[in-house]
């Protein structure tokens, strides 16, 4: 008889312990609201990248090659829980310090190498200049091509006037430049302070009120002279 009583007491104790655990698990720490949108663009020449959220690389966020952006992700601005890794590794690249504001959209440019990466956070907020206009932003993601600092002309005439953006340095972006909506446009890059054409870049036709980002990198082939241009549509909001 005694063993049965002992077993009953033990069962009651175990049940109480389980109830206590259940009570604790019913009140977890609230997950912060996802209030910010962010994506990463791989402009490194030697790395494929993984984007980890809270230590986990989700489908679509792994093995992001050069010239490609991650999916647009919703995160919390104060605690995004994001880290960047070289594909196939579990060590985070150093130097990424999130700096986001609630309600905004960002593109984070990744340049450099595994041992010396550079992260540049670009605010994607765009305000149209008027009816039937759109916007284009040029990101200088080069590391060795040309002089490295550009002036930018929108739909240049035979004789260049005043540049629409000046001295756009490496790992930085021009402001959003106004272009007519509903047509293909051209932006011309020149070395800062000069008028000789460095490269013309075609801007795809845009709907009125929208904007696009074009990331310009070094030539993809050794010895090449043409810069690479990658067009990024806006993240959905």
C-alpha atoms as a PDB file:
ATOM      1  CA  UNK A   1       0.000   0.000   0.000  1.00  0.00           C
ATOM      2  CA  UNK A   2       2.791   2.397   0.908  1.00  0.00           C
ATOM      3  CA  UNK A   3       4.377   2.302  -2.569  1.00  0.00           C
ATOM      4  CA  UNK A   4       1.005   3.336  -4.096  1.00  0.00           C
ATOM      5  CA  UNK A   5       0.772   6.357  -1.778  1.00  0.00           C
ATOM      6  CA  UNK A   6       4.325   7.331  -2.649  1.00  0.00           C
ATOM      7  CA  UNK A   7       3.601   7.058  -6.334  1.00  0.00           C
ATOM      8  CA  UNK A   8       0.478   9.183  -5.928  1.00  0.00           C
ATOM      9  CA  UNK A   9       2.402  11.902  -4.100  1.00  0.00           C
ATOM     10  CA  UNK A  10       5.087  11.875  -6.772  1.00  0.00           C
ATOM     11  CA  UNK A  11       2.465  12.109  -9.518  1.00  0.00           C
ATOM     12  CA  UNK A  12       0.819  15.084  -7.812  1.00  0.00           C
ATOM     13  CA  UNK A  13       4.191  16.804  -7.425  1.00  0.00           C
ATOM     14  CA  UNK A  14       5.053  16.229 -11.057  1.00  0.00           C
ATOM     15  CA  UNK A  15       1.644  17.532 -12.112  1.00  0.00           C
ATOM     16  CA  UNK A  16       2.168  20.679 -10.053  1.00  0.00           C
ATOM     17  CA  UNK A  17       5.591  21.195 -11.627  1.00  0.00           C
ATOM     18  CA  UNK A  18       4.150  20.786 -15.110  1.00  0.00           C
ATOM     19  CA  UNK A  19       1.356  23.208 -14.299  1.00  0.00           C
ATOM     20  CA  UNK A  20       3.911  25.759 -13.120  1.00  0.00           C
ATOM     21  CA  UNK A  21       5.930  25.363 -16.314  1.00  0.00           C
ATOM     22  CA  UNK A  22       2.765  25.673 -18.377  1.00  0.00           C
ATOM     23  CA  UNK A  23       1.837  28.842 -16.535  1.00  0.00           C
ATOM     24  CA  UNK A  24       5.249  30.359 -17.304  1.00  0.00           C
ATOM     25  CA  UNK A  25       5.088  29.426 -20.992  1.00  0.00           C
ATOM     26  CA  UNK A  26       1.687  31.047 -21.346  1.00  0.00           C
ATOM     27  CA  UNK A  27       3.349  34.417 -20.669  1.00  0.00           C
ATOM     28  CA  UNK A  28       6.376  34.638 -22.947  1.00  0.00           C
ATOM     29  CA  UNK A  29       8.223  37.898 -23.581  1.00  0.00           C
ATOM     30  CA  UNK A  30       6.260  39.668 -26.285  1.00  0.00           C
ATOM     31  CA  UNK A  31       7.864  39.645 -29.738  1.00  0.00           C
ATOM     32  CA  UNK A  32       8.391  43.257 -30.877  1.00  0.00           C
ATOM     33  CA  UNK A  33       6.357  44.404 -33.865  1.00  0.00           C
ATOM     34  CA  UNK A  34       7.977  44.250 -37.290  1.00  0.00           C
ATOM     35  CA  UNK A  35       7.804  47.914 -38.281  1.00  0.00           C
ATOM     36  CA  UNK A  36      10.723  48.412 -40.695  1.00  0.00           C
ATOM     37  CA  UNK A  37      11.639  46.964 -44.106  1.00  0.00           C
ATOM     38  CA  UNK A  38      15.238  46.138 -45.050  1.00  0.00           C
ATOM     39  CA  UNK A  39      17.134  44.267 -47.760  1.00  0.00           C
ATOM     40  CA  UNK A  40      20.839  43.632 -48.383  1.00  0.00           C
ATOM     41  CA  UNK A  41      22.680  44.023 -51.691  1.00  0.00           C
ATOM     42  CA  UNK A  42      25.834  41.995 -52.299  1.00  0.00           C
ATOM     43  CA  UNK A  43      28.404  44.217 -54.016  1.00  0.00           C
ATOM     44  CA  UNK A  44      31.402  42.214 -52.832  1.00  0.00           C
ATOM     45  CA  UNK A  45      33.460  40.671 -55.594  1.00  0.00           C
ATOM     46  CA  UNK A  46      34.543  37.522 -53.768  1.00  0.00           C
ATOM     47  CA  UNK A  47      31.723  36.469 -51.440  1.00  0.00           C
ATOM     48  CA  UNK A  48      28.291  34.942 -51.537  1.00  0.00           C
ATOM     49  CA  UNK A  49      26.320  36.074 -48.498  1.00  0.00           C
ATOM     50  CA  UNK A  50      23.852  34.635 -46.017  1.00  0.00           C
ATOM     51  CA  UNK A  51      21.482  36.889 -44.091  1.00  0.00           C
ATOM     52  CA  UNK A  52      20.623  35.431 -40.690  1.00  0.00           C
ATOM     53  CA  UNK A  53      17.662  36.489 -38.568  1.00  0.00           C
ATOM     54  CA  UNK A  54      18.059  35.590 -34.923  1.00  0.00           C
ATOM     55  CA  UNK A  55      20.815  33.182 -35.983  1.00  0.00           C
ATOM     56  CA  UNK A  56      18.781  31.379 -38.664  1.00  0.00           C
ATOM     57  CA  UNK A  57      19.187  31.707 -42.437  1.00  0.00           C
ATOM     58  CA  UNK A  58      15.686  31.445 -43.882  1.00  0.00           C
ATOM     59  CA  UNK A  59      14.823  30.239 -47.365  1.00  0.00           C
ATOM     60  CA  UNK A  60      15.778  32.896 -49.914  1.00  0.00           C
ATOM     61  CA  UNK A  61      18.287  34.562 -47.592  1.00  0.00           C
ATOM     62  CA  UNK A  62      21.138  32.139 -48.259  1.00  0.00           C
ATOM     63  CA  UNK A  63      23.857  32.064 -50.912  1.00  0.00           C
ATOM     64  CA  UNK A  64      23.159  35.568 -52.228  1.00  0.00           C
ATOM     65  CA  UNK A  65      25.659  36.100 -55.069  1.00  0.00           C
ATOM     66  CA  UNK A  66      27.400  39.234 -56.261  1.00  0.00           C
ATOM     67  CA  UNK A  67      25.019  41.674 -57.908  1.00  0.00           C
ATOM     68  CA  UNK A  68      21.949  40.339 -56.124  1.00  0.00           C
ATOM     69  CA  UNK A  69      19.721  41.592 -53.324  1.00  0.00           C
ATOM     70  CA  UNK A  70      18.150  39.624 -50.521  1.00  0.00           C
ATOM     71  CA  UNK A  71      14.373  39.568 -50.209  1.00  0.00           C
ATOM     72  CA  UNK A  72      12.812  42.579 -48.513  1.00  0.00           C
ATOM     73  CA  UNK A  73      12.336  41.699 -44.838  1.00  0.00           C
ATOM     74  CA  UNK A  74      10.121  43.121 -42.117  1.00  0.00           C
ATOM     75  CA  UNK A  75      12.045  43.639 -38.867  1.00  0.00           C
ATOM     76  CA  UNK A  76      11.812  45.663 -35.695  1.00  0.00           C
ATOM     77  CA  UNK A  77      13.855  48.857 -35.909  1.00  0.00           C
ATOM     78  CA  UNK A  78      15.131  48.664 -32.331  1.00  0.00           C
ATOM     79  CA  UNK A  79      15.970  44.948 -32.384  1.00  0.00           C
ATOM     80  CA  UNK A  80      16.210  43.666 -35.971  1.00  0.00           C
ATOM     81  CA  UNK A  81      18.207  40.539 -34.994  1.00  0.00           C
ATOM     82  CA  UNK A  82      20.046  40.552 -38.317  1.00  0.00           C
ATOM     83  CA  UNK A  83      23.575  39.407 -39.084  1.00  0.00           C
ATOM     84  CA  UNK A  84      25.538  38.793 -42.284  1.00  0.00           C
ATOM     85  CA  UNK A  85      27.780  35.809 -42.992  1.00  0.00           C
ATOM     86  CA  UNK A  86      29.861  34.454 -45.813  1.00  0.00           C
ATOM     87  CA  UNK A  87      27.814  31.620 -47.263  1.00  0.00           C
ATOM     88  CA  UNK A  88      28.500  28.285 -45.607  1.00  0.00           C
ATOM     89  CA  UNK A  89      29.976  29.774 -42.422  1.00  0.00           C
ATOM     90  CA  UNK A  90      28.481  30.385 -38.991  1.00  0.00           C
ATOM     91  CA  UNK A  91      30.606  33.426 -38.104  1.00  0.00           C
ATOM     92  CA  UNK A  92      29.051  36.851 -38.575  1.00  0.00           C
ATOM     93  CA  UNK A  93      30.903  39.423 -40.648  1.00  0.00           C
ATOM     94  CA  UNK A  94      32.095  42.245 -38.451  1.00  0.00           C
ATOM     95  CA  UNK A  95      31.055  45.863 -38.670  1.00  0.00           C
ATOM     96  CA  UNK A  96      27.321  45.669 -39.298  1.00  0.00           C
ATOM     97  CA  UNK A  97      25.596  48.012 -36.842  1.00  0.00           C
ATOM     98  CA  UNK A  98      21.879  48.363 -37.643  1.00  0.00           C
ATOM     99  CA  UNK A  99      20.596  51.931 -37.683  1.00  0.00           C
ATOM    100  CA  UNK A 100      16.921  51.936 -38.618  1.00  0.00           C
ATOM    101  CA  UNK A 101      13.849  54.032 -37.842  1.00  0.00           C
ATOM    102  CA  UNK A 102      10.334  52.697 -37.472  1.00  0.00           C
ATOM    103  CA  UNK A 103       8.219  52.862 -40.606  1.00  0.00           C
ATOM    104  CA  UNK A 104      11.124  53.346 -43.025  1.00  0.00           C
ATOM    105  CA  UNK A 105      12.560  51.155 -45.789  1.00  0.00           C
ATOM    106  CA  UNK A 106      16.305  50.554 -46.200  1.00  0.00           C
ATOM    107  CA  UNK A 107      18.817  48.992 -48.554  1.00  0.00           C
ATOM    108  CA  UNK A 108      22.094  47.904 -46.933  1.00  0.00           C
ATOM    109  CA  UNK A 109      25.010  47.836 -49.378  1.00  0.00           C
ATOM    110  CA  UNK A 110      27.671  45.222 -48.590  1.00  0.00           C
ATOM    111  CA  UNK A 111      31.119  45.833 -50.101  1.00  0.00           C
ATOM    112  CA  UNK A 112      34.692  44.879 -49.249  1.00  0.00           C
ATOM    113  CA  UNK A 113      35.977  41.453 -48.269  1.00  0.00           C
ATOM    114  CA  UNK A 114      35.347  38.798 -45.629  1.00  0.00           C
ATOM    115  CA  UNK A 115      38.072  40.253 -43.419  1.00  0.00           C
ATOM    116  CA  UNK A 116      37.226  43.900 -44.089  1.00  0.00           C
ATOM    117  CA  UNK A 117      33.554  44.228 -45.035  1.00  0.00           C
ATOM    118  CA  UNK A 118      31.809  47.587 -45.337  1.00  0.00           C
ATOM    119  CA  UNK A 119      28.105  48.079 -44.673  1.00  0.00           C
ATOM    120  CA  UNK A 120      26.376  51.205 -45.974  1.00  0.00           C
ATOM    121  CA  UNK A 121      22.757  51.766 -44.950  1.00  0.00           C
ATOM    122  CA  UNK A 122      20.686  53.714 -47.490  1.00  0.00           C
ATOM    123  CA  UNK A 123      17.292  55.200 -46.658  1.00  0.00           C
ATOM    124  CA  UNK A 124      14.842  54.268 -49.433  1.00  0.00           C
ATOM    125  CA  UNK A 125      12.221  56.917 -48.626  1.00  0.00           C
ATOM    126  CA  UNK A 126      11.219  58.830 -51.762  1.00  0.00           C
ATOM    127  CA  UNK A 127       9.016  61.881 -52.301  1.00  0.00           C
ATOM    128  CA  UNK A 128       8.004  62.647 -55.911  1.00  0.00           C
ATOM    129  CA  UNK A 129       8.916  66.089 -57.209  1.00  0.00           C
ATOM    130  CA  UNK A 130       5.595  66.549 -59.006  1.00  0.00           C
ATOM    131  CA  UNK A 131       3.005  64.949 -61.245  1.00  0.00           C
ATOM    132  CA  UNK A 132       4.207  62.527 -63.930  1.00  0.00           C
ATOM    133  CA  UNK A 133       7.645  62.260 -62.363  1.00  0.00           C
ATOM    134  CA  UNK A 134       9.610  59.380 -60.864  1.00  0.00           C
ATOM    135  CA  UNK A 135      12.995  59.006 -59.196  1.00  0.00           C
ATOM    136  CA  UNK A 136      16.301  57.235 -59.699  1.00  0.00           C
ATOM    137  CA  UNK A 137      19.198  56.924 -57.283  1.00  0.00           C
ATOM    138  CA  UNK A 138      22.739  55.882 -58.255  1.00  0.00           C
ATOM    139  CA  UNK A 139      24.799  53.938 -55.709  1.00  0.00           C
ATOM    140  CA  UNK A 140      28.578  54.001 -56.130  1.00  0.00           C
ATOM    141  CA  UNK A 141      29.656  50.489 -55.146  1.00  0.00           C
ATOM    142  CA  UNK A 142      32.990  50.466 -56.969  1.00  0.00           C
ATOM    143  CA  UNK A 143      36.271  49.649 -55.290  1.00  0.00           C
ATOM    144  CA  UNK A 144      38.896  50.242 -57.971  1.00  0.00           C
ATOM    145  CA  UNK A 145      37.343  51.450 -61.235  1.00  0.00           C
ATOM    146  CA  UNK A 146      38.191  54.944 -62.428  1.00  0.00           C
ATOM    147  CA  UNK A 147      38.701  57.896 -60.150  1.00  0.00           C
ATOM    148  CA  UNK A 148      35.940  56.641 -57.873  1.00  0.00           C
ATOM    149  CA  UNK A 149      33.938  59.859 -57.367  1.00  0.00           C
ATOM    150  CA  UNK A 150      31.224  60.823 -59.841  1.00  0.00           C
ATOM    151  CA  UNK A 151      29.080  63.649 -61.093  1.00  0.00           C
ATOM    152  CA  UNK A 152      25.717  62.548 -62.494  1.00  0.00           C
ATOM    153  CA  UNK A 153      23.642  64.018 -65.322  1.00  0.00           C
ATOM    154  CA  UNK A 154      20.025  63.071 -66.064  1.00  0.00           C
ATOM    155  CA  UNK A 155      19.111  62.803 -69.769  1.00  0.00           C
ATOM    156  CA  UNK A 156      22.247  64.727 -70.788  1.00  0.00           C
ATOM    157  CA  UNK A 157      22.226  67.089 -73.767  1.00  0.00           C
ATOM    158  CA  UNK A 158      25.063  67.280 -76.270  1.00  0.00           C
ATOM    159  CA  UNK A 159      26.505  70.096 -74.195  1.00  0.00           C
ATOM    160  CA  UNK A 160      26.439  69.249 -70.525  1.00  0.00           C
ATOM    161  CA  UNK A 161      24.994  71.768 -68.133  1.00  0.00           C
ATOM    162  CA  UNK A 162      25.032  71.585 -64.358  1.00  0.00           C
ATOM    163  CA  UNK A 163      25.190  68.034 -62.971  1.00  0.00           C
ATOM    164  CA  UNK A 164      22.126  66.771 -61.135  1.00  0.00           C
ATOM    165  CA  UNK A 165      24.349  65.245 -58.445  1.00  0.00           C
ATOM    166  CA  UNK A 166      27.992  65.915 -57.642  1.00  0.00           C
ATOM    167  CA  UNK A 167      30.875  64.102 -55.964  1.00  0.00           C
ATOM    168  CA  UNK A 168      29.115  60.791 -55.338  1.00  0.00           C
ATOM    169  CA  UNK A 169      31.890  58.867 -53.589  1.00  0.00           C
ATOM    170  CA  UNK A 170      32.366  55.152 -53.119  1.00  0.00           C
ATOM    171  CA  UNK A 171      29.991  53.466 -50.684  1.00  0.00           C
ATOM    172  CA  UNK A 172      27.510  56.296 -51.013  1.00  0.00           C
ATOM    173  CA  UNK A 173      24.468  57.186 -53.085  1.00  0.00           C
ATOM    174  CA  UNK A 174      23.171  60.180 -54.951  1.00  0.00           C
ATOM    175  CA  UNK A 175      19.882  61.714 -53.843  1.00  0.00           C
ATOM    176  CA  UNK A 176      16.833  60.451 -55.690  1.00  0.00           C
ATOM    177  CA  UNK A 177      17.006  62.325 -58.987  1.00  0.00           C
ATOM    178  CA  UNK A 178      13.823  63.357 -60.781  1.00  0.00           C
ATOM    179  CA  UNK A 179      13.112  61.724 -64.159  1.00  0.00           C
ATOM    180  CA  UNK A 180      10.006  61.822 -66.375  1.00  0.00           C
ATOM    181  CA  UNK A 181       7.675  58.911 -65.687  1.00  0.00           C
ATOM    182  CA  UNK A 182       6.554  56.517 -68.409  1.00  0.00           C
ATOM    183  CA  UNK A 183       9.707  56.572 -70.524  1.00  0.00           C
ATOM    184  CA  UNK A 184      13.224  55.173 -70.581  1.00  0.00           C
ATOM    185  CA  UNK A 185      15.726  57.692 -69.228  1.00  0.00           C
ATOM    186  CA  UNK A 186      19.506  57.976 -69.247  1.00  0.00           C
ATOM    187  CA  UNK A 187      21.917  58.913 -66.490  1.00  0.00           C
ATOM    188  CA  UNK A 188      25.495  59.805 -67.362  1.00  0.00           C
ATOM    189  CA  UNK A 189      28.430  59.303 -65.027  1.00  0.00           C
ATOM    190  CA  UNK A 190      31.525  61.479 -65.284  1.00  0.00           C
ATOM    191  CA  UNK A 191      34.491  61.708 -62.984  1.00  0.00           C
ATOM    192  CA  UNK A 192      33.836  64.501 -60.499  1.00  0.00           C
ATOM    193  CA  UNK A 193      34.566  67.942 -61.923  1.00  0.00           C
ATOM    194  CA  UNK A 194      34.967  66.625 -65.478  1.00  0.00           C
ATOM    195  CA  UNK A 195      32.663  66.372 -68.467  1.00  0.00           C
ATOM    196  CA  UNK A 196      34.114  63.398 -70.353  1.00  0.00           C
ATOM    197  CA  UNK A 197      31.615  60.549 -70.321  1.00  0.00           C
ATOM    198  CA  UNK A 198      32.523  57.704 -67.996  1.00  0.00           C
ATOM    199  CA  UNK A 199      29.410  55.675 -68.704  1.00  0.00           C
ATOM    200  CA  UNK A 200      25.755  56.079 -69.685  1.00  0.00           C
ATOM    201  CA  UNK A 201      23.204  53.951 -67.835  1.00  0.00           C
ATOM    202  CA  UNK A 202      19.685  53.259 -69.083  1.00  0.00           C
ATOM    203  CA  UNK A 203      16.958  53.734 -66.496  1.00  0.00           C
ATOM    204  CA  UNK A 204      13.898  51.534 -67.133  1.00  0.00           C
ATOM    205  CA  UNK A 205      10.549  53.265 -67.529  1.00  0.00           C
ATOM    206  CA  UNK A 206       8.971  54.023 -64.153  1.00  0.00           C
ATOM    207  CA  UNK A 207       5.413  54.677 -63.085  1.00  0.00           C
ATOM    208  CA  UNK A 208       4.682  58.153 -61.785  1.00  0.00           C
ATOM    209  CA  UNK A 209       5.427  58.489 -58.090  1.00  0.00           C
ATOM    210  CA  UNK A 210       7.782  55.496 -57.931  1.00  0.00           C
ATOM    211  CA  UNK A 211      11.565  55.282 -57.668  1.00  0.00           C
ATOM    212  CA  UNK A 212      14.313  52.810 -58.389  1.00  0.00           C
ATOM    213  CA  UNK A 213      17.871  52.305 -57.145  1.00  0.00           C
ATOM    214  CA  UNK A 214      20.718  51.429 -59.519  1.00  0.00           C
ATOM    215  CA  UNK A 215      23.835  49.950 -57.914  1.00  0.00           C
ATOM    216  CA  UNK A 216      26.966  50.484 -60.014  1.00  0.00           C
ATOM    217  CA  UNK A 217      29.959  48.220 -59.413  1.00  0.00           C
ATOM    218  CA  UNK A 218      33.354  47.461 -60.911  1.00  0.00           C
ATOM    219  CA  UNK A 219      33.482  45.478 -64.171  1.00  0.00           C
ATOM    220  CA  UNK A 220      32.648  41.825 -63.564  1.00  0.00           C
ATOM    221  CA  UNK A 221      35.524  40.606 -65.734  1.00  0.00           C
ATOM    222  CA  UNK A 222      39.196  41.244 -65.094  1.00  0.00           C
ATOM    223  CA  UNK A 223      40.426  43.904 -67.477  1.00  0.00           C
ATOM    224  CA  UNK A 224      36.900  44.993 -68.367  1.00  0.00           C
ATOM    225  CA  UNK A 225      36.075  48.668 -68.775  1.00  0.00           C
ATOM    226  CA  UNK A 226      32.269  48.740 -68.605  1.00  0.00           C
ATOM    227  CA  UNK A 227      30.878  49.250 -65.129  1.00  0.00           C
ATOM    228  CA  UNK A 228      28.128  46.877 -64.005  1.00  0.00           C
ATOM    229  CA  UNK A 229      24.708  48.382 -63.239  1.00  0.00           C
ATOM    230  CA  UNK A 230      22.073  46.515 -61.246  1.00  0.00           C
ATOM    231  CA  UNK A 231      18.532  47.895 -61.019  1.00  0.00           C
ATOM    232  CA  UNK A 232      16.606  47.379 -57.765  1.00  0.00           C
ATOM    233  CA  UNK A 233      12.853  47.980 -57.763  1.00  0.00           C
ATOM    234  CA  UNK A 234      11.406  49.414 -54.560  1.00  0.00           C
ATOM    235  CA  UNK A 235      10.499  47.051 -51.734  1.00  0.00           C
ATOM    236  CA  UNK A 236       6.750  46.534 -51.302  1.00  0.00           C
ATOM    237  CA  UNK A 237       5.354  48.466 -48.369  1.00  0.00           C
END
